[in-house]
Every structure is written in structure tokens, then in C-alpha cells.
Amino acid sequence: MSKPVHVTSATFKSEVLEHPSLVVVDFFATWCGPCKMLAPVIEELAGEYDGKVKLCKIDTDESGDIAANYGIMGVPTVMFFKNGQKIDEQVGYVPKEALKKKIDAKL
């Protein structure tokens, strides 16, 4: 089963911006309660969409420059990228089915 890719400032460009298909990025912080609730959802989605969608996680404390660049003010924030461009975002915890609907609409 596929796992989300841990992305850092050093790997963001190659892992997210240069990836040819849909990339879903979970911006999180280790101290964030709602982020901990979302983590297993992201894990499950990585398995379910293996080969179709790339799921990534970025720790905003480790990669604050990326978070600042995209104007992230709260975590968790899930951003959707396609062809190197941000196409959507979801701020705050949402149930798995809500994220699946967003992903399916972008495939």
C-alpha cells in the first residue's frame, strides 16, 4: 500500500511542482490536534489513489518557507496541485468522503 511522501523545502519542486499528475499536499504541524485527526485519512487516501494521485505531507514547522509562500495561515491545509499550479485548497479538518469528492472532481 502506498504511503504519503514526506516533502521538505528541498524536495518540494521535484515532488510536487514537477509531478505530471494531480498532487494532494497536506500541510500539517506535529502539535496540531486536527492535523492528527487528518493524518490517517491522508494515509488511507494514499493507498486508495495509488498510481492515480500523489499524496504528500509537509511539516509547516520544518518547511515554513513553503507554507509562507502559499499563504498558509492555519493547519491542516490541504492543497491540490496540477501541472505545477495550485488549483484548490481545503483549510481545516474535513472527513475522508469530502476529500475524496474534491480529488475525484479533479481527476
Protein backbone atom coordinates (compact mmCIF):
# COMPACT_ATOMS: atom_id res chain seq x y z
CA MET A 1 0.00 0.00 0.00
CA SER A 2 1.27 3.44 -0.91
CA LYS A 3 2.14 5.98 1.77
CA PRO A 4 2.13 9.79 1.56
CA VAL A 5 5.50 11.23 0.54
CA HIS A 6 7.17 13.41 3.18
CA VAL A 7 8.17 16.60 1.36
CA THR A 8 10.60 19.28 2.53
CA SER A 9 11.66 22.65 1.17
CA ALA A 10 14.48 20.86 -0.66
CA THR A 11 12.18 18.35 -2.38
CA PHE A 12 9.01 20.43 -2.92
CA LYS A 13 9.81 21.40 -6.51
CA SER A 14 10.66 17.87 -7.69
CA GLU A 15 7.97 16.06 -5.68
CA VAL A 16 5.06 18.49 -6.17
CA LEU A 17 5.60 21.15 -8.84
CA GLU A 18 7.28 18.89 -11.41
CA HIS A 19 4.94 15.91 -10.93
CA PRO A 20 2.81 15.35 -14.06
CA SER A 21 -0.48 14.37 -12.40
CA LEU A 22 -2.65 15.53 -9.52
CA VAL A 23 -0.76 16.09 -6.26
CA VAL A 24 -2.56 16.50 -2.93
CA VAL A 25 -0.41 18.13 -0.23
CA ASP A 26 -1.28 18.02 3.47
CA PHE A 27 0.35 20.96 5.26
CA PHE A 28 0.45 19.97 8.94
CA ALA A 29 2.17 20.55 12.27
CA THR A 30 3.05 17.86 14.80
CA TRP A 31 1.40 19.84 17.66
CA CYS A 32 -1.90 20.32 15.78
CA GLY A 33 -4.89 18.26 17.01
CA PRO A 34 -6.96 18.45 13.80
CA CYS A 35 -3.80 17.52 11.83
CA LYS A 36 -3.52 14.34 13.90
CA MET A 37 -7.17 13.56 13.06
CA LEU A 38 -6.50 14.11 9.34
CA ALA A 39 -3.28 12.03 9.22
CA PRO A 40 -4.98 8.59 8.99
CA VAL A 41 -7.35 9.96 6.32
CA ILE A 42 -4.37 11.05 4.20
CA GLU A 43 -2.74 7.63 4.76
CA GLU A 44 -5.89 5.82 3.58
CA LEU A 45 -6.29 8.07 0.53
CA ALA A 46 -2.64 7.45 -0.44
CA GLY A 47 -3.44 3.74 -0.62
CA GLU A 48 -6.78 4.15 -2.38
CA TYR A 49 -5.43 6.50 -5.05
CA ASP A 50 -2.09 4.72 -5.52
CA GLY A 51 -0.97 5.21 -9.12
CA LYS A 52 -3.59 7.90 -9.79
CA VAL A 53 -2.87 10.70 -7.32
CA LYS A 54 0.29 11.58 -5.41
CA LEU A 55 -0.32 12.41 -1.75
CA CYS A 56 2.31 14.37 0.16
CA LYS A 57 2.78 15.76 3.65
CA ILE A 58 4.71 18.90 4.57
CA ASP A 59 5.51 19.82 8.18
CA THR A 60 5.00 23.59 8.30
CA ASP A 61 7.44 23.92 11.20
CA GLU A 62 10.20 22.25 9.15
CA SER A 63 9.32 23.94 5.84
CA GLY A 64 7.95 27.30 6.89
CA ASP A 65 9.18 28.92 3.68
CA ILE A 66 6.83 26.78 1.57
CA ALA A 67 3.91 27.47 3.94
CA ALA A 68 4.64 31.21 3.82
CA ASN A 69 4.97 31.15 0.03
CA TYR A 70 1.45 29.71 -0.28
CA GLY A 71 -0.04 31.97 2.42
CA ILE A 72 -0.92 29.17 4.83
CA MET A 73 -2.32 30.72 7.99
CA GLY A 74 -3.76 27.61 9.63
CA VAL A 75 -3.19 23.89 9.68
CA PRO A 76 -4.22 21.47 8.48
CA THR A 77 -4.41 22.92 4.98
CA VAL A 78 -4.74 20.53 2.05
CA MET A 79 -3.70 21.95 -1.32
CA PHE A 80 -4.30 20.45 -4.73
CA PHE A 81 -1.68 20.92 -7.45
CA LYS A 82 -1.85 20.00 -11.13
CA ASN A 83 0.89 20.70 -13.68
CA GLY A 84 2.82 22.70 -11.07
CA GLN A 85 -0.08 25.03 -10.31
CA LYS A 86 -2.20 25.24 -7.17
CA ILE A 87 -5.77 24.58 -8.28
CA ASP A 88 -7.64 24.34 -4.96
CA GLU A 89 -7.27 24.19 -1.20
CA GLN A 90 -9.16 23.00 1.85
CA VAL A 91 -8.45 24.57 5.25
CA GLY A 92 -9.21 22.64 8.43
CA TYR A 93 -10.19 19.07 9.08
CA VAL A 94 -12.69 17.50 6.70
CA PRO A 95 -13.97 13.92 6.61
CA LYS A 96 -12.49 11.43 4.17
CA GLU A 97 -15.55 11.45 1.90
CA ALA A 98 -15.32 15.24 1.44
CA LEU A 99 -11.66 14.98 0.37
CA LYS A 100 -12.47 12.07 -1.95
CA LYS A 101 -15.13 14.19 -3.68
CA LYS A 102 -12.61 17.01 -4.21
CA ILE A 103 -9.98 14.60 -5.54
CA ASP A 104 -12.42 12.79 -7.84
CA ALA A 105 -13.63 16.11 -9.28
CA LYS A 106 -10.04 16.97 -10.26
CA LEU A 107 -9.08 13.67 -11.88
